[in-house]
Amino acid sequence: MTVTAKHVGNTRPAPDLATATAAAATFLDALGVDLSPESLQETPARMARAYADLLTAREFKLTTFDNDEGYDELVMARNIPIRSVCEHHLLPFIGVAHVGYLPAARILGLSKLARVVEMFAHGTQVQERLTKQIADWLIKELEPNGVGVVIEAEHLCMTLRGVQAVGANTITSSMLGVLRDDARSRGEFLAAAGLGGR
């Protein structure tokens, strides 16, 4: 069995937390937040660290293996947690991703499906792009017979402000290869994702 591995992940420069902390203090001050109470004095630094965490993906080792047994049925990881930041309001959106593929010559270490989701979720995003990026990346790196990605998320920019549609979820999907072209395979993927009856 041939095992291949390569490091992938964040390519942006490391966050400048000192500058971000100063900017957060200026931002909060401009909004009229009094930072003089002891409980708020570290808030700009905490805010800078929180956003740095949300916007910075961890590197990981992408590990694939020969598909020696010729497995050609659906491989899926359901309910992968997602936390990302809406690029329009810089408020989080949170939810789950269901990611599956139909193997060809290579299979993927299962934990790597969650790592790929995390890699693209960290940063400023829109859900539609995020869904497509995950699917496109898996097609390119793994060369499977098909890929399916469904994301269900609550956008705080929609529930905490504006329309204030509390409880509303947004669902996006990207189907590539056999999962796009074959209705039966697509139906199997959607049923496994828990979306067959919708």
N, C-alpha and C. Protein backbone atom coordinates (compact mmCIF):
# COMPACT_ATOMS: atom_id res chain seq x y z
N MET A 1 0.85 -1.19 0.00
CA MET A 1 0.00 0.00 0.00
C MET A 1 0.88 1.24 0.00
N THR A 2 0.59 2.15 -0.91
CA THR A 2 1.33 3.41 -0.97
C THR A 2 0.59 4.47 -0.16
N VAL A 3 1.30 5.10 0.73
CA VAL A 3 0.74 6.19 1.53
C VAL A 3 1.40 7.48 1.08
N THR A 4 0.60 8.49 0.77
CA THR A 4 1.17 9.79 0.44
C THR A 4 0.67 10.81 1.44
N ALA A 5 1.52 11.77 1.74
CA ALA A 5 1.16 12.82 2.69
C ALA A 5 1.83 14.11 2.28
N LYS A 6 1.10 15.20 2.43
CA LYS A 6 1.69 16.51 2.19
C LYS A 6 1.06 17.50 3.15
N HIS A 7 1.82 18.52 3.51
CA HIS A 7 1.31 19.54 4.42
C HIS A 7 0.48 20.55 3.65
N VAL A 8 -0.69 20.84 4.17
CA VAL A 8 -1.56 21.86 3.57
C VAL A 8 -2.12 22.72 4.69
N GLY A 9 -2.70 23.85 4.31
CA GLY A 9 -3.32 24.71 5.32
C GLY A 9 -3.04 26.16 5.06
N ASN A 10 -2.93 26.91 6.14
CA ASN A 10 -2.84 28.36 6.08
C ASN A 10 -1.59 28.84 5.34
N THR A 11 -1.79 29.77 4.40
CA THR A 11 -0.66 30.35 3.68
C THR A 11 -0.53 31.84 3.95
N ARG A 12 -1.40 32.38 4.80
CA ARG A 12 -1.35 33.81 5.10
C ARG A 12 -0.31 34.08 6.19
N PRO A 13 0.16 35.33 6.28
CA PRO A 13 1.11 35.65 7.35
C PRO A 13 0.45 35.52 8.72
N ALA A 14 1.27 35.31 9.73
CA ALA A 14 0.76 35.18 11.10
C ALA A 14 0.06 36.47 11.52
N PRO A 15 -1.01 36.36 12.31
CA PRO A 15 -1.71 37.56 12.77
C PRO A 15 -0.81 38.47 13.59
N ASP A 16 -0.97 39.77 13.43
CA ASP A 16 -0.26 40.77 14.23
C ASP A 16 -1.21 41.15 15.37
N LEU A 17 -1.11 40.42 16.47
CA LEU A 17 -2.07 40.59 17.57
C LEU A 17 -1.96 41.95 18.24
N ALA A 18 -0.77 42.53 18.31
CA ALA A 18 -0.61 43.84 18.94
C ALA A 18 -1.37 44.91 18.15
N THR A 19 -1.21 44.90 16.83
CA THR A 19 -1.92 45.87 15.99
C THR A 19 -3.42 45.61 16.03
N ALA A 20 -3.81 44.34 16.00
CA ALA A 20 -5.23 44.00 16.05
C ALA A 20 -5.85 44.43 17.38
N THR A 21 -5.11 44.30 18.47
CA THR A 21 -5.61 44.71 19.79
C THR A 21 -5.83 46.22 19.83
N ALA A 22 -4.88 46.98 19.31
CA ALA A 22 -5.01 48.44 19.27
C ALA A 22 -6.20 48.85 18.40
N ALA A 23 -6.35 48.17 17.27
CA ALA A 23 -7.47 48.48 16.37
C ALA A 23 -8.80 48.12 17.02
N ALA A 24 -8.85 47.02 17.76
CA ALA A 24 -10.08 46.63 18.45
C ALA A 24 -10.45 47.66 19.51
N ALA A 25 -9.45 48.16 20.23
CA ALA A 25 -9.72 49.20 21.24
C ALA A 25 -10.27 50.46 20.57
N THR A 26 -9.69 50.87 19.46
CA THR A 26 -10.18 52.04 18.73
C THR A 26 -11.59 51.82 18.23
N PHE A 27 -11.86 50.64 17.70
CA PHE A 27 -13.17 50.28 17.18
C PHE A 27 -14.23 50.35 18.28
N LEU A 28 -13.94 49.71 19.42
CA LEU A 28 -14.91 49.69 20.52
C LEU A 28 -15.13 51.09 21.08
N ASP A 29 -14.05 51.86 21.18
CA ASP A 29 -14.17 53.24 21.65
C ASP A 29 -15.05 54.06 20.71
N ALA A 30 -14.88 53.87 19.39
CA ALA A 30 -15.69 54.59 18.41
C ALA A 30 -17.17 54.24 18.50
N LEU A 31 -17.46 53.04 19.00
CA LEU A 31 -18.86 52.62 19.17
C LEU A 31 -19.41 53.00 20.55
N GLY A 32 -18.60 53.70 21.34
CA GLY A 32 -19.07 54.18 22.63
C GLY A 32 -18.93 53.19 23.77
N VAL A 33 -18.13 52.15 23.59
CA VAL A 33 -17.93 51.16 24.65
C VAL A 33 -16.87 51.69 25.60
N ASP A 34 -17.22 51.80 26.86
CA ASP A 34 -16.30 52.28 27.90
C ASP A 34 -15.40 51.13 28.32
N LEU A 35 -14.12 51.22 28.00
CA LEU A 35 -13.18 50.15 28.31
C LEU A 35 -12.47 50.35 29.65
N SER A 36 -12.90 51.36 30.43
CA SER A 36 -12.19 51.63 31.69
C SER A 36 -12.50 50.64 32.80
N PRO A 37 -13.69 50.03 32.87
CA PRO A 37 -13.90 49.05 33.95
C PRO A 37 -12.90 47.89 33.84
N GLU A 38 -12.50 47.39 34.99
CA GLU A 38 -11.49 46.33 35.01
C GLU A 38 -11.89 45.13 34.16
N SER A 39 -13.18 44.80 34.16
CA SER A 39 -13.64 43.62 33.43
C SER A 39 -13.53 43.79 31.91
N LEU A 40 -13.38 45.03 31.44
CA LEU A 40 -13.33 45.29 30.00
C LEU A 40 -11.93 45.66 29.50
N GLN A 41 -10.99 45.83 30.40
CA GLN A 41 -9.68 46.32 29.99
C GLN A 41 -8.95 45.36 29.06
N GLU A 42 -9.18 44.08 29.20
CA GLU A 42 -8.53 43.09 28.33
C GLU A 42 -9.41 42.68 27.14
N THR A 43 -10.58 43.31 27.03
CA THR A 43 -11.51 42.94 25.95
C THR A 43 -10.90 43.13 24.56
N PRO A 44 -10.23 44.24 24.25
CA PRO A 44 -9.63 44.35 22.91
C PRO A 44 -8.65 43.22 22.58
N ALA A 45 -7.84 42.82 23.55
CA ALA A 45 -6.89 41.72 23.32
C ALA A 45 -7.63 40.41 23.13
N ARG A 46 -8.68 40.18 23.95
CA ARG A 46 -9.47 38.96 23.79
C ARG A 46 -10.17 38.94 22.44
N MET A 47 -10.68 40.09 22.03
CA MET A 47 -11.35 40.21 20.74
C MET A 47 -10.37 39.91 19.60
N ALA A 48 -9.16 40.45 19.68
CA ALA A 48 -8.15 40.21 18.65
C ALA A 48 -7.80 38.73 18.57
N ARG A 49 -7.62 38.09 19.73
CA ARG A 49 -7.28 36.66 19.73
C ARG A 49 -8.44 35.82 19.18
N ALA A 50 -9.67 36.20 19.53
CA ALA A 50 -10.84 35.45 19.06
C ALA A 50 -10.94 35.51 17.54
N TYR A 51 -10.79 36.70 16.97
CA TYR A 51 -10.87 36.81 15.51
C TYR A 51 -9.67 36.15 14.83
N ALA A 52 -8.51 36.24 15.45
CA ALA A 52 -7.34 35.55 14.88
C ALA A 52 -7.60 34.05 14.81
N ASP A 53 -8.23 33.50 15.84
CA ASP A 53 -8.56 32.08 15.86
C ASP A 53 -9.58 31.74 14.77
N LEU A 54 -10.60 32.58 14.63
CA LEU A 54 -11.63 32.33 13.63
C LEU A 54 -11.11 32.45 12.20
N LEU A 55 -10.10 33.28 12.00
CA LEU A 55 -9.64 33.59 10.64
C LEU A 55 -8.38 32.84 10.22
N THR A 56 -7.81 32.02 11.12
CA THR A 56 -6.55 31.35 10.82
C THR A 56 -6.72 29.84 10.87
N ALA A 57 -6.55 29.20 9.73
CA ALA A 57 -6.65 27.74 9.67
C ALA A 57 -5.37 27.09 10.15
N ARG A 58 -5.52 25.94 10.78
CA ARG A 58 -4.34 25.17 11.19
C ARG A 58 -3.81 24.37 10.01
N GLU A 59 -2.50 24.23 9.94
CA GLU A 59 -1.92 23.35 8.93
C GLU A 59 -2.20 21.90 9.33
N PHE A 60 -2.24 21.03 8.33
CA PHE A 60 -2.40 19.61 8.61
C PHE A 60 -1.71 18.80 7.52
N LYS A 61 -1.54 17.52 7.79
CA LYS A 61 -0.92 16.63 6.82
C LYS A 61 -2.02 15.87 6.10
N LEU A 62 -2.13 16.10 4.79
CA LEU A 62 -3.10 15.38 3.98
C LEU A 62 -2.55 13.99 3.69
N THR A 63 -3.25 12.97 4.18
CA THR A 63 -2.79 11.60 4.02
C THR A 63 -3.78 10.84 3.14
N THR A 64 -3.28 10.22 2.09
CA THR A 64 -4.10 9.36 1.23
C THR A 64 -3.45 8.00 1.11
N PHE A 65 -4.27 7.00 0.77
CA PHE A 65 -3.81 5.62 0.70
C PHE A 65 -4.30 5.00 -0.61
N ASP A 66 -3.57 4.01 -1.10
CA ASP A 66 -4.05 3.23 -2.23
C ASP A 66 -5.38 2.59 -1.87
N ASN A 67 -6.28 2.57 -2.80
CA ASN A 67 -7.57 1.90 -2.61
C ASN A 67 -7.40 0.44 -3.04
N ASP A 68 -6.62 -0.31 -2.27
CA ASP A 68 -6.24 -1.68 -2.62
C ASP A 68 -7.44 -2.62 -2.78
N GLU A 69 -8.48 -2.38 -1.99
CA GLU A 69 -9.63 -3.27 -2.03
C GLU A 69 -10.63 -2.87 -3.12
N GLY A 70 -10.36 -1.78 -3.82
CA GLY A 70 -11.27 -1.35 -4.88
C GLY A 70 -12.61 -0.87 -4.35
N TYR A 71 -12.63 -0.30 -3.15
CA TYR A 71 -13.89 0.18 -2.57
C TYR A 71 -14.44 1.30 -3.44
N ASP A 72 -15.72 1.15 -3.86
CA ASP A 72 -16.28 2.14 -4.76
C ASP A 72 -17.64 2.68 -4.31
N GLU A 73 -17.96 2.47 -3.05
CA GLU A 73 -19.21 2.98 -2.49
C GLU A 73 -18.94 4.31 -1.77
N LEU A 74 -20.02 4.96 -1.38
CA LEU A 74 -19.93 6.28 -0.76
C LEU A 74 -19.17 6.23 0.57
N VAL A 75 -18.27 7.18 0.74
CA VAL A 75 -17.60 7.42 2.02
C VAL A 75 -18.04 8.81 2.48
N MET A 76 -18.63 8.90 3.66
CA MET A 76 -19.18 10.18 4.10
C MET A 76 -18.86 10.45 5.57
N ALA A 77 -18.54 11.70 5.85
CA ALA A 77 -18.46 12.18 7.23
C ALA A 77 -19.60 13.18 7.40
N ARG A 78 -20.49 12.91 8.37
CA ARG A 78 -21.64 13.78 8.60
C ARG A 78 -21.40 14.67 9.81
N ASN A 79 -22.11 15.77 9.81
CA ASN A 79 -22.14 16.67 10.97
C ASN A 79 -20.76 17.16 11.39
N ILE A 80 -19.92 17.48 10.41
CA ILE A 80 -18.62 18.10 10.72
C ILE A 80 -18.90 19.54 11.15
N PRO A 81 -18.50 19.92 12.34
CA PRO A 81 -18.79 21.28 12.80
C PRO A 81 -18.11 22.34 11.93
N ILE A 82 -18.86 23.41 11.67
CA ILE A 82 -18.32 24.53 10.90
C ILE A 82 -18.48 25.79 11.74
N ARG A 83 -17.43 26.58 11.76
CA ARG A 83 -17.51 27.94 12.29
C ARG A 83 -16.71 28.81 11.34
N SER A 84 -17.36 29.80 10.82
CA SER A 84 -16.72 30.69 9.87
C SER A 84 -17.20 32.10 10.15
N VAL A 85 -16.71 33.05 9.36
CA VAL A 85 -17.05 34.46 9.56
C VAL A 85 -17.59 35.02 8.25
N CYS A 86 -18.81 35.55 8.31
CA CYS A 86 -19.43 36.17 7.15
C CYS A 86 -18.58 37.36 6.70
N GLU A 87 -18.20 37.37 5.43
CA GLU A 87 -17.32 38.44 4.96
C GLU A 87 -18.03 39.78 4.83
N HIS A 88 -19.35 39.79 4.90
CA HIS A 88 -20.09 41.04 4.75
C HIS A 88 -20.26 41.79 6.07
N HIS A 89 -20.36 41.06 7.19
CA HIS A 89 -20.59 41.71 8.49
C HIS A 89 -19.58 41.31 9.55
N LEU A 90 -18.69 40.39 9.24
CA LEU A 90 -17.71 39.86 10.19
C LEU A 90 -18.37 39.29 11.43
N LEU A 91 -19.55 38.70 11.24
CA LEU A 91 -20.20 37.95 12.30
C LEU A 91 -20.10 36.47 11.94
N PRO A 92 -20.05 35.60 12.96
CA PRO A 92 -19.89 34.17 12.67
C PRO A 92 -21.12 33.56 12.01
N PHE A 93 -20.86 32.51 11.24
CA PHE A 93 -21.93 31.57 10.91
C PHE A 93 -21.45 30.19 11.34
N ILE A 94 -22.37 29.43 11.91
CA ILE A 94 -22.02 28.15 12.51
C ILE A 94 -23.01 27.09 12.03
N GLY A 95 -22.51 25.87 11.92
CA GLY A 95 -23.37 24.80 11.47
C GLY A 95 -22.60 23.52 11.29
N VAL A 96 -23.04 22.73 10.31
CA VAL A 96 -22.41 21.44 10.05
C VAL A 96 -22.24 21.25 8.55
N ALA A 97 -21.25 20.43 8.21
CA ALA A 97 -21.03 20.03 6.82
C ALA A 97 -21.14 18.52 6.74
N HIS A 98 -21.74 18.05 5.65
CA HIS A 98 -21.78 16.64 5.32
C HIS A 98 -20.93 16.50 4.05
N VAL A 99 -19.86 15.72 4.14
CA VAL A 99 -18.91 15.63 3.03
C VAL A 99 -18.72 14.16 2.68
N GLY A 100 -18.89 13.85 1.40
CA GLY A 100 -18.71 12.47 0.97
C GLY A 100 -18.04 12.40 -0.39
N TYR A 101 -17.50 11.22 -0.68
CA TYR A 101 -16.89 11.01 -1.98
C TYR A 101 -17.01 9.55 -2.38
N LEU A 102 -16.94 9.32 -3.69
CA LEU A 102 -16.90 7.97 -4.26
C LEU A 102 -15.46 7.70 -4.68
N PRO A 103 -14.77 6.80 -3.97
CA PRO A 103 -13.33 6.62 -4.20
C PRO A 103 -13.02 6.10 -5.60
N ALA A 104 -11.83 6.45 -6.05
CA ALA A 104 -11.25 5.88 -7.27
C ALA A 104 -9.97 5.16 -6.83
N ALA A 105 -8.81 5.63 -7.27
CA ALA A 105 -7.55 4.96 -6.96
C ALA A 105 -7.06 5.21 -5.53
N ARG A 106 -7.49 6.34 -4.92
CA ARG A 106 -6.99 6.71 -3.60
C ARG A 106 -8.15 6.88 -2.63
N ILE A 107 -7.88 6.60 -1.36
CA ILE A 107 -8.82 6.91 -0.28
C ILE A 107 -8.13 7.86 0.68
N LEU A 108 -8.95 8.58 1.42
CA LEU A 108 -8.47 9.65 2.29
C LEU A 108 -8.56 9.23 3.74
N GLY A 109 -7.57 9.60 4.55
CA GLY A 109 -7.71 9.42 5.99
C GLY A 109 -8.95 10.18 6.45
N LEU A 110 -9.85 9.51 7.17
CA LEU A 110 -11.18 10.08 7.46
C LEU A 110 -11.14 11.42 8.18
N SER A 111 -10.21 11.58 9.08
CA SER A 111 -10.14 12.85 9.82
C SER A 111 -9.83 14.02 8.89
N LYS A 112 -9.27 13.70 7.73
CA LYS A 112 -8.88 14.78 6.81
C LYS A 112 -10.09 15.46 6.18
N LEU A 113 -11.24 14.78 6.12
CA LEU A 113 -12.44 15.45 5.61
C LEU A 113 -12.79 16.63 6.52
N ALA A 114 -12.70 16.42 7.82
CA ALA A 114 -12.96 17.51 8.76
C ALA A 114 -11.89 18.59 8.66
N ARG A 115 -10.65 18.19 8.44
CA ARG A 115 -9.56 19.16 8.32
C ARG A 115 -9.73 20.05 7.09
N VAL A 116 -10.18 19.45 5.98
CA VAL A 116 -10.40 20.24 4.76
C VAL A 116 -11.52 21.25 4.99
N VAL A 117 -12.58 20.83 5.65
CA VAL A 117 -13.68 21.75 5.97
C VAL A 117 -13.15 22.90 6.82
N GLU A 118 -12.37 22.58 7.84
CA GLU A 118 -11.82 23.62 8.72
C GLU A 118 -10.92 24.57 7.95
N MET A 119 -10.10 24.03 7.04
CA MET A 119 -9.15 24.85 6.29
C MET A 119 -9.87 25.95 5.52
N PHE A 120 -10.98 25.61 4.87
CA PHE A 120 -11.68 26.61 4.08
C PHE A 120 -12.65 27.45 4.91
N ALA A 121 -13.12 26.93 6.03
CA ALA A 121 -14.06 27.68 6.87
C ALA A 121 -13.37 28.81 7.62
N HIS A 122 -12.10 28.62 7.97
CA HIS A 122 -11.38 29.67 8.69
C HIS A 122 -11.02 30.79 7.73
N GLY A 123 -11.55 31.96 8.01
CA GLY A 123 -11.34 33.10 7.14
C GLY A 123 -12.67 33.79 6.91
N THR A 124 -12.65 34.88 6.18
CA THR A 124 -13.90 35.53 5.82
C THR A 124 -14.49 34.75 4.65
N GLN A 125 -15.77 34.46 4.73
CA GLN A 125 -16.37 33.54 3.77
C GLN A 125 -17.81 33.93 3.45
N VAL A 126 -18.30 33.34 2.37
CA VAL A 126 -19.74 33.20 2.14
C VAL A 126 -19.99 31.70 2.02
N GLN A 127 -21.14 31.26 2.45
CA GLN A 127 -21.40 29.82 2.52
C GLN A 127 -21.35 29.16 1.16
N GLU A 128 -21.84 29.85 0.14
CA GLU A 128 -21.85 29.28 -1.20
C GLU A 128 -20.43 28.97 -1.68
N ARG A 129 -19.52 29.93 -1.50
CA ARG A 129 -18.12 29.73 -1.91
C ARG A 129 -17.48 28.63 -1.09
N LEU A 130 -17.71 28.64 0.21
CA LEU A 130 -17.13 27.63 1.09
C LEU A 130 -17.51 26.23 0.63
N THR A 131 -18.77 26.02 0.31
CA THR A 131 -19.25 24.71 -0.13
C THR A 131 -18.52 24.27 -1.39
N LYS A 132 -18.41 25.16 -2.34
CA LYS A 132 -17.75 24.84 -3.62
C LYS A 132 -16.25 24.63 -3.44
N GLN A 133 -15.60 25.42 -2.60
CA GLN A 133 -14.16 25.27 -2.39
C GLN A 133 -13.82 23.89 -1.84
N ILE A 134 -14.61 23.42 -0.89
CA ILE A 134 -14.36 22.10 -0.30
C ILE A 134 -14.48 21.02 -1.37
N ALA A 135 -15.56 21.08 -2.15
CA ALA A 135 -15.79 20.07 -3.19
C ALA A 135 -14.70 20.12 -4.26
N ASP A 136 -14.39 21.33 -4.75
CA ASP A 136 -13.37 21.47 -5.79
C ASP A 136 -12.01 20.96 -5.32
N TRP A 137 -11.67 21.26 -4.07
CA TRP A 137 -10.38 20.85 -3.54
C TRP A 137 -10.28 19.33 -3.46
N LEU A 138 -11.35 18.68 -3.00
CA LEU A 138 -11.33 17.22 -2.90
C LEU A 138 -11.23 16.56 -4.27
N ILE A 139 -11.93 17.12 -5.27
CA ILE A 139 -11.83 16.59 -6.63
C ILE A 139 -10.40 16.71 -7.14
N LYS A 140 -9.78 17.85 -6.91
CA LYS A 140 -8.41 18.08 -7.41
C LYS A 140 -7.39 17.20 -6.70
N GLU A 141 -7.47 17.12 -5.39
CA GLU A 141 -6.43 16.43 -4.61
C GLU A 141 -6.61 14.91 -4.60
N LEU A 142 -7.86 14.44 -4.62
CA LEU A 142 -8.12 13.01 -4.43
C LEU A 142 -8.46 12.31 -5.74
N GLU A 143 -8.94 13.07 -6.74
CA GLU A 143 -9.38 12.53 -8.03
C GLU A 143 -10.35 11.36 -7.85
N PRO A 144 -11.41 11.56 -7.06
CA PRO A 144 -12.41 10.50 -6.85
C PRO A 144 -13.39 10.46 -8.03
N ASN A 145 -14.30 9.49 -7.99
CA ASN A 145 -15.34 9.42 -9.01
C ASN A 145 -16.43 10.46 -8.79
N GLY A 146 -16.55 10.94 -7.58
CA GLY A 146 -17.54 11.98 -7.29
C GLY A 146 -17.34 12.54 -5.91
N VAL A 147 -17.83 13.76 -5.71
CA VAL A 147 -17.75 14.44 -4.41
C VAL A 147 -19.09 15.13 -4.16
N GLY A 148 -19.53 15.06 -2.91
CA GLY A 148 -20.71 15.81 -2.50
C GLY A 148 -20.44 16.55 -1.21
N VAL A 149 -20.88 17.81 -1.15
CA VAL A 149 -20.74 18.62 0.05
C VAL A 149 -22.07 19.33 0.28
N VAL A 150 -22.60 19.19 1.49
CA VAL A 150 -23.78 19.94 1.90
C VAL A 150 -23.45 20.65 3.21
N ILE A 151 -23.74 21.93 3.26
CA ILE A 151 -23.52 22.70 4.49
C ILE A 151 -24.85 23.26 4.95
N GLU A 152 -25.13 23.09 6.24
CA GLU A 152 -26.29 23.69 6.90
C GLU A 152 -25.76 24.62 7.98
N ALA A 153 -26.12 25.90 7.91
CA ALA A 153 -25.54 26.85 8.87
C ALA A 153 -26.53 27.95 9.25
N GLU A 154 -26.33 28.44 10.46
CA GLU A 154 -27.06 29.61 10.95
C GLU A 154 -26.12 30.80 10.87
N HIS A 155 -26.58 31.85 10.24
CA HIS A 155 -25.78 33.06 10.06
C HIS A 155 -26.20 34.11 11.07
N LEU A 156 -25.29 34.47 11.97
CA LEU A 156 -25.64 35.43 13.01
C LEU A 156 -25.93 36.81 12.43
N CYS A 157 -25.40 37.10 11.23
CA CYS A 157 -25.73 38.38 10.59
C CYS A 157 -27.21 38.41 10.19
N MET A 158 -27.83 37.25 10.12
CA MET A 158 -29.25 37.16 9.76
C MET A 158 -30.14 37.00 10.98
N THR A 159 -29.60 36.41 12.05
CA THR A 159 -30.43 36.14 13.22
C THR A 159 -30.28 37.19 14.33
N LEU A 160 -29.14 37.87 14.41
CA LEU A 160 -28.93 38.85 15.47
C LEU A 160 -29.18 40.27 15.04
N ARG A 161 -29.22 40.52 13.73
CA ARG A 161 -29.39 41.88 13.22
C ARG A 161 -30.29 41.81 11.99
N GLY A 162 -30.52 42.93 11.37
CA GLY A 162 -31.29 42.94 10.13
C GLY A 162 -32.65 42.30 10.29
N VAL A 163 -32.89 41.25 9.53
CA VAL A 163 -34.21 40.59 9.53
C VAL A 163 -34.48 39.85 10.84
N GLN A 164 -33.46 39.51 11.61
CA GLN A 164 -33.57 38.81 12.88
C GLN A 164 -34.41 37.54 12.75
N ALA A 165 -34.05 36.73 11.76
CA ALA A 165 -34.77 35.49 11.48
C ALA A 165 -34.19 34.37 12.34
N VAL A 166 -34.53 34.41 13.62
CA VAL A 166 -34.00 33.44 14.58
C VAL A 166 -34.44 32.03 14.19
N GLY A 167 -33.48 31.11 14.17
CA GLY A 167 -33.77 29.72 13.84
C GLY A 167 -33.66 29.39 12.37
N ALA A 168 -33.44 30.39 11.52
CA ALA A 168 -33.30 30.13 10.09
C ALA A 168 -31.95 29.50 9.79
N ASN A 169 -31.96 28.46 8.97
CA ASN A 169 -30.73 27.83 8.51
C ASN A 169 -30.61 28.01 7.01
N THR A 170 -29.38 28.10 6.53
CA THR A 170 -29.11 28.16 5.10
C THR A 170 -28.46 26.84 4.70
N ILE A 171 -28.96 26.25 3.62
CA ILE A 171 -28.41 24.99 3.11
C ILE A 171 -27.83 25.24 1.73
N THR A 172 -26.57 24.82 1.54
CA THR A 172 -25.92 24.91 0.23
C THR A 172 -25.34 23.54 -0.11
N SER A 173 -25.21 23.26 -1.39
CA SER A 173 -24.65 21.98 -1.80
C SER A 173 -23.78 22.14 -3.03
N SER A 174 -22.84 21.21 -3.17
CA SER A 174 -22.02 21.12 -4.37
C SER A 174 -21.84 19.64 -4.66
N MET A 175 -22.25 19.22 -5.85
CA MET A 175 -22.12 17.83 -6.29
C MET A 175 -21.24 17.81 -7.54
N LEU A 176 -20.23 16.96 -7.54
CA LEU A 176 -19.32 16.87 -8.67
C LEU A 176 -19.17 15.42 -9.10
N GLY A 177 -18.83 15.22 -10.36
CA GLY A 177 -18.61 13.87 -10.88
C GLY A 177 -19.90 13.07 -10.89
N VAL A 178 -19.79 11.81 -10.50
CA VAL A 178 -20.95 10.91 -10.52
C VAL A 178 -22.08 11.43 -9.64
N LEU A 179 -21.75 12.07 -8.54
CA LEU A 179 -22.80 12.57 -7.64
C LEU A 179 -23.60 13.70 -8.27
N ARG A 180 -23.05 14.34 -9.27
CA ARG A 180 -23.79 15.36 -10.01
C ARG A 180 -24.56 14.75 -11.18
N ASP A 181 -23.90 13.79 -11.86
CA ASP A 181 -24.43 13.28 -13.12
C ASP A 181 -25.44 12.14 -12.96
N ASP A 182 -25.37 11.40 -11.86
CA ASP A 182 -26.22 10.23 -11.69
C ASP A 182 -27.23 10.48 -10.57
N ALA A 183 -28.51 10.51 -10.93
CA ALA A 183 -29.57 10.84 -9.97
C ALA A 183 -29.62 9.85 -8.81
N ARG A 184 -29.39 8.57 -9.08
CA ARG A 184 -29.44 7.58 -8.00
C ARG A 184 -28.33 7.80 -6.99
N SER A 185 -27.10 8.06 -7.49
CA SER A 185 -25.97 8.31 -6.59
C SER A 185 -26.18 9.59 -5.80
N ARG A 186 -26.69 10.62 -6.47
CA ARG A 186 -26.97 11.88 -5.78
C ARG A 186 -28.01 11.67 -4.68
N GLY A 187 -29.07 10.90 -5.00
CA GLY A 187 -30.10 10.60 -4.00
C GLY A 187 -29.55 9.84 -2.81
N GLU A 188 -28.63 8.90 -3.07
CA GLU A 188 -28.01 8.15 -1.98
C GLU A 188 -27.21 9.09 -1.08
N PHE A 189 -26.46 10.01 -1.70
CA PHE A 189 -25.68 10.96 -0.91
C PHE A 189 -26.60 11.83 -0.05
N LEU A 190 -27.64 12.38 -0.66
CA LEU A 190 -28.54 13.28 0.08
C LEU A 190 -29.27 12.54 1.19
N ALA A 191 -29.65 11.28 0.95
CA ALA A 191 -30.30 10.50 2.00
C ALA A 191 -29.34 10.23 3.15
N ALA A 192 -28.08 9.90 2.82
CA ALA A 192 -27.08 9.67 3.86
C ALA A 192 -26.80 10.92 4.65
N ALA A 193 -26.92 12.08 3.99
CA ALA A 193 -26.72 13.37 4.67
C ALA A 193 -27.93 13.77 5.50
N GLY A 194 -29.02 12.99 5.40
CA GLY A 194 -30.22 13.30 6.15
C GLY A 194 -31.13 14.30 5.46
N LEU A 195 -30.93 14.47 4.13
CA LEU A 195 -31.69 15.45 3.37
C LEU A 195 -32.59 14.80 2.33
N GLY A 196 -32.73 13.48 2.39
CA GLY A 196 -33.48 12.77 1.36
C GLY A 196 -34.94 13.15 1.28
N GLY A 197 -35.54 13.53 2.41
CA GLY A 197 -36.97 13.82 2.42
C GLY A 197 -37.29 15.28 2.23
N ARG A 198 -36.27 16.12 1.99
CA ARG A 198 -36.53 17.56 1.90
C ARG A 198 -36.79 17.98 0.48
